[in-house]
N, C-alpha and C. Protein backbone atom coordinates (compact mmCIF):
# COMPACT_ATOMS: atom_id res chain seq x y z
N MET A 1 0.88 -1.19 0.02
CA MET A 1 0.09 0.02 0.02
C MET A 1 0.98 1.31 -0.07
N GLN A 2 0.52 2.38 -0.99
CA GLN A 2 1.40 3.45 -0.92
C GLN A 2 0.67 4.45 -0.39
N ALA A 3 1.19 5.31 0.37
CA ALA A 3 0.54 6.51 0.86
C ALA A 3 0.95 7.76 0.20
N TYR A 4 0.02 8.75 0.09
CA TYR A 4 0.31 10.05 -0.59
C TYR A 4 -0.23 11.14 0.30
N GLU A 5 0.42 12.10 0.69
CA GLU A 5 0.00 13.40 1.56
C GLU A 5 -0.09 14.77 0.80
N PHE A 6 -1.19 15.14 0.88
CA PHE A 6 -1.44 16.50 0.42
C PHE A 6 -2.25 17.36 1.12
N TYR A 7 -2.31 18.52 1.01
CA TYR A 7 -3.29 19.38 1.76
C TYR A 7 -4.50 19.94 0.75
N ALA A 8 -5.74 19.76 1.09
CA ALA A 8 -6.64 20.26 0.35
C ALA A 8 -7.69 20.86 1.17
N THR A 9 -8.46 21.71 0.43
CA THR A 9 -9.71 22.45 1.25
C THR A 9 -11.10 21.80 0.38
N PRO A 10 -11.95 21.05 1.11
CA PRO A 10 -13.08 20.56 0.58
C PRO A 10 -14.03 21.64 0.02
N GLU A 11 -14.50 21.47 -0.99
CA GLU A 11 -15.40 22.49 -1.61
C GLU A 11 -16.69 21.64 -2.04
N ASN A 12 -17.89 21.95 -1.23
CA ASN A 12 -19.16 21.20 -0.97
C ASN A 12 -19.00 19.72 -1.00
N GLY A 13 -17.99 19.44 0.06
CA GLY A 13 -17.85 17.89 0.25
C GLY A 13 -16.83 17.26 -0.63
N VAL A 14 -16.25 17.91 -1.66
CA VAL A 14 -15.45 17.30 -2.53
C VAL A 14 -13.88 17.60 -2.42
N ILE A 15 -13.14 16.64 -2.24
CA ILE A 15 -11.76 16.91 -2.10
C ILE A 15 -11.04 16.64 -3.66
N THR A 16 -10.40 17.45 -4.12
CA THR A 16 -9.79 17.24 -5.45
C THR A 16 -8.19 16.61 -5.24
N ILE A 17 -8.14 15.75 -5.97
CA ILE A 17 -6.74 14.99 -5.97
C ILE A 17 -6.08 15.68 -6.91
N PRO A 18 -4.61 16.22 -6.26
CA PRO A 18 -3.78 16.97 -7.05
C PRO A 18 -3.30 16.08 -8.50
N GLU A 19 -2.92 16.95 -9.64
CA GLU A 19 -2.68 16.38 -10.80
C GLU A 19 -1.55 15.31 -10.83
N GLN A 20 -0.56 15.58 -9.90
CA GLN A 20 0.46 14.59 -9.80
C GLN A 20 0.16 13.37 -9.37
N TYR A 21 -0.94 12.99 -8.80
CA TYR A 21 -1.47 11.81 -8.23
C TYR A 21 -2.44 11.14 -8.81
N LYS A 22 -3.17 11.74 -9.70
CA LYS A 22 -4.33 11.50 -10.47
C LYS A 22 -3.80 10.05 -11.35
N SER A 23 -2.94 10.19 -11.98
CA SER A 23 -2.58 9.09 -12.65
C SER A 23 -2.17 7.69 -11.99
N ARG A 24 -1.81 7.95 -10.80
CA ARG A 24 -1.62 6.73 -9.88
C ARG A 24 -2.69 6.13 -9.17
N LEU A 25 -3.70 7.06 -8.96
CA LEU A 25 -4.91 6.70 -8.30
C LEU A 25 -6.12 6.32 -9.17
N THR A 26 -5.75 5.19 -9.89
CA THR A 26 -6.91 4.85 -10.80
C THR A 26 -7.99 3.66 -10.35
N LYS A 27 -7.50 3.10 -9.28
CA LYS A 27 -8.40 2.13 -8.60
C LYS A 27 -8.82 2.49 -7.30
N ASP A 28 -9.48 1.50 -6.62
CA ASP A 28 -10.02 2.04 -5.24
C ASP A 28 -9.09 2.36 -4.34
N VAL A 29 -9.23 3.42 -3.45
CA VAL A 29 -8.47 3.76 -2.56
C VAL A 29 -9.10 3.95 -1.27
N LYS A 30 -8.14 3.91 -0.16
CA LYS A 30 -8.76 4.14 1.13
C LYS A 30 -8.39 5.50 1.66
N VAL A 31 -9.34 6.27 2.07
CA VAL A 31 -9.32 7.64 2.39
C VAL A 31 -9.46 7.71 4.00
N ILE A 32 -8.37 8.40 4.41
CA ILE A 32 -8.44 8.73 5.92
C ILE A 32 -8.26 10.35 6.06
N ILE A 33 -9.18 10.95 6.57
CA ILE A 33 -8.88 12.52 6.73
C ILE A 33 -8.70 12.85 8.13
N LEU A 34 -7.54 13.84 8.04
CA LEU A 34 -7.18 14.38 9.11
C LEU A 34 -7.19 15.85 9.18
N GLU A 35 -7.93 16.52 10.02
CA GLU A 35 -8.31 17.89 10.09
C GLU A 35 -6.92 18.56 10.18
N HIS A 36 -6.42 19.65 9.31
CA HIS A 36 -5.37 20.17 9.59
C HIS A 36 -5.47 21.75 10.06
N LYS A 37 -4.89 21.86 11.36
CA LYS A 37 -5.12 23.25 11.94
C LYS A 37 -3.66 23.81 12.01
N PRO A 38 -3.40 24.80 11.18
CA PRO A 38 -1.93 25.47 11.32
C PRO A 38 -1.70 25.85 12.54
N TYR A 39 -0.53 25.87 13.04
CA TYR A 39 -0.19 26.55 14.13
C TYR A 39 -0.05 28.07 13.96
N LYS A 40 -0.66 28.93 14.93
CA LYS A 40 -0.71 30.23 14.57
C LYS A 40 0.44 30.74 15.72
N PHE A 41 1.46 31.38 15.10
CA PHE A 41 2.63 31.92 15.91
C PHE A 41 2.22 32.89 16.64
N ASN A 42 2.62 33.05 18.03
CA ASN A 42 2.25 34.19 18.92
C ASN A 42 3.58 34.65 19.41
N ARG A 43 3.78 35.94 18.78
CA ARG A 43 5.16 36.34 19.29
C ARG A 43 5.41 36.75 20.53
N GLU A 44 4.52 37.33 21.36
CA GLU A 44 4.36 37.57 22.64
C GLU A 44 4.70 36.38 23.44
N GLU A 45 4.10 35.26 23.10
CA GLU A 45 3.98 34.21 24.02
C GLU A 45 5.44 33.51 23.66
N ALA A 46 5.90 33.46 22.67
CA ALA A 46 7.28 33.01 22.30
C ALA A 46 8.39 33.72 22.89
N ASN A 47 8.27 35.28 22.98
CA ASN A 47 9.14 35.92 23.76
C ASN A 47 9.07 35.79 25.09
N ALA A 48 8.03 35.44 25.89
CA ALA A 48 7.79 35.31 27.09
C ALA A 48 8.58 33.81 27.50
N ARG A 49 8.35 32.95 26.87
CA ARG A 49 9.01 31.49 26.85
C ARG A 49 10.53 32.04 27.09
N ARG A 50 11.02 32.57 25.82
CA ARG A 50 12.37 32.73 25.80
C ARG A 50 12.93 33.46 27.38
N LYS A 51 12.21 34.30 27.54
CA LYS A 51 12.74 35.17 28.85
C LYS A 51 12.76 34.18 30.02
N SER A 52 11.71 33.36 30.10
CA SER A 52 11.47 32.42 31.36
C SER A 52 12.62 31.49 31.10
N ASP A 53 12.98 31.06 29.94
CA ASP A 53 14.00 30.01 29.83
C ASP A 53 15.48 30.63 30.42
N LEU A 54 15.57 31.93 30.08
CA LEU A 54 16.97 32.39 30.72
C LEU A 54 16.81 32.63 32.00
N LEU A 55 15.66 32.65 32.70
CA LEU A 55 15.69 32.66 34.21
C LEU A 55 16.11 31.39 34.91
N LEU A 56 15.84 30.22 34.17
CA LEU A 56 15.92 28.91 34.74
C LEU A 56 17.44 28.62 35.20
N PRO A 57 17.61 27.98 36.20
CA PRO A 57 19.00 27.83 36.61
C PRO A 57 19.65 26.80 35.78
N PRO A 58 20.85 26.60 35.42
CA PRO A 58 21.59 25.57 34.63
C PRO A 58 21.37 24.31 35.37
N MET A 59 21.12 23.21 34.64
CA MET A 59 20.97 21.86 35.08
C MET A 59 22.26 21.16 35.25
N TYR A 60 22.46 20.69 36.44
CA TYR A 60 23.93 20.01 36.51
C TYR A 60 23.58 18.54 36.80
N SER A 61 24.36 17.62 36.30
CA SER A 61 24.18 16.25 36.56
C SER A 61 25.18 15.77 37.74
N THR A 62 24.78 15.08 38.48
CA THR A 62 25.64 14.54 39.68
C THR A 62 26.15 12.90 39.43
N ASP A 63 25.69 12.50 38.32
CA ASP A 63 25.97 11.16 38.02
C ASP A 63 27.25 11.07 37.37
N GLY A 64 28.09 9.95 38.06
CA GLY A 64 29.25 9.56 37.75
C GLY A 64 30.12 10.43 37.17
């Protein structure tokens, strides 16, 4: 079984297969749909994390 991954936006319940895969997908296929929610970068949150990382004490190992 070969897997192909691509992003698509359903239109009226229809997902269009990209041109580069159409010739390969001529028989029955198994469809698994995963909702894609892109991560929205929050600059203030990222800056706060970086600042708090600077405040953490260094970690030392006492093993061997």
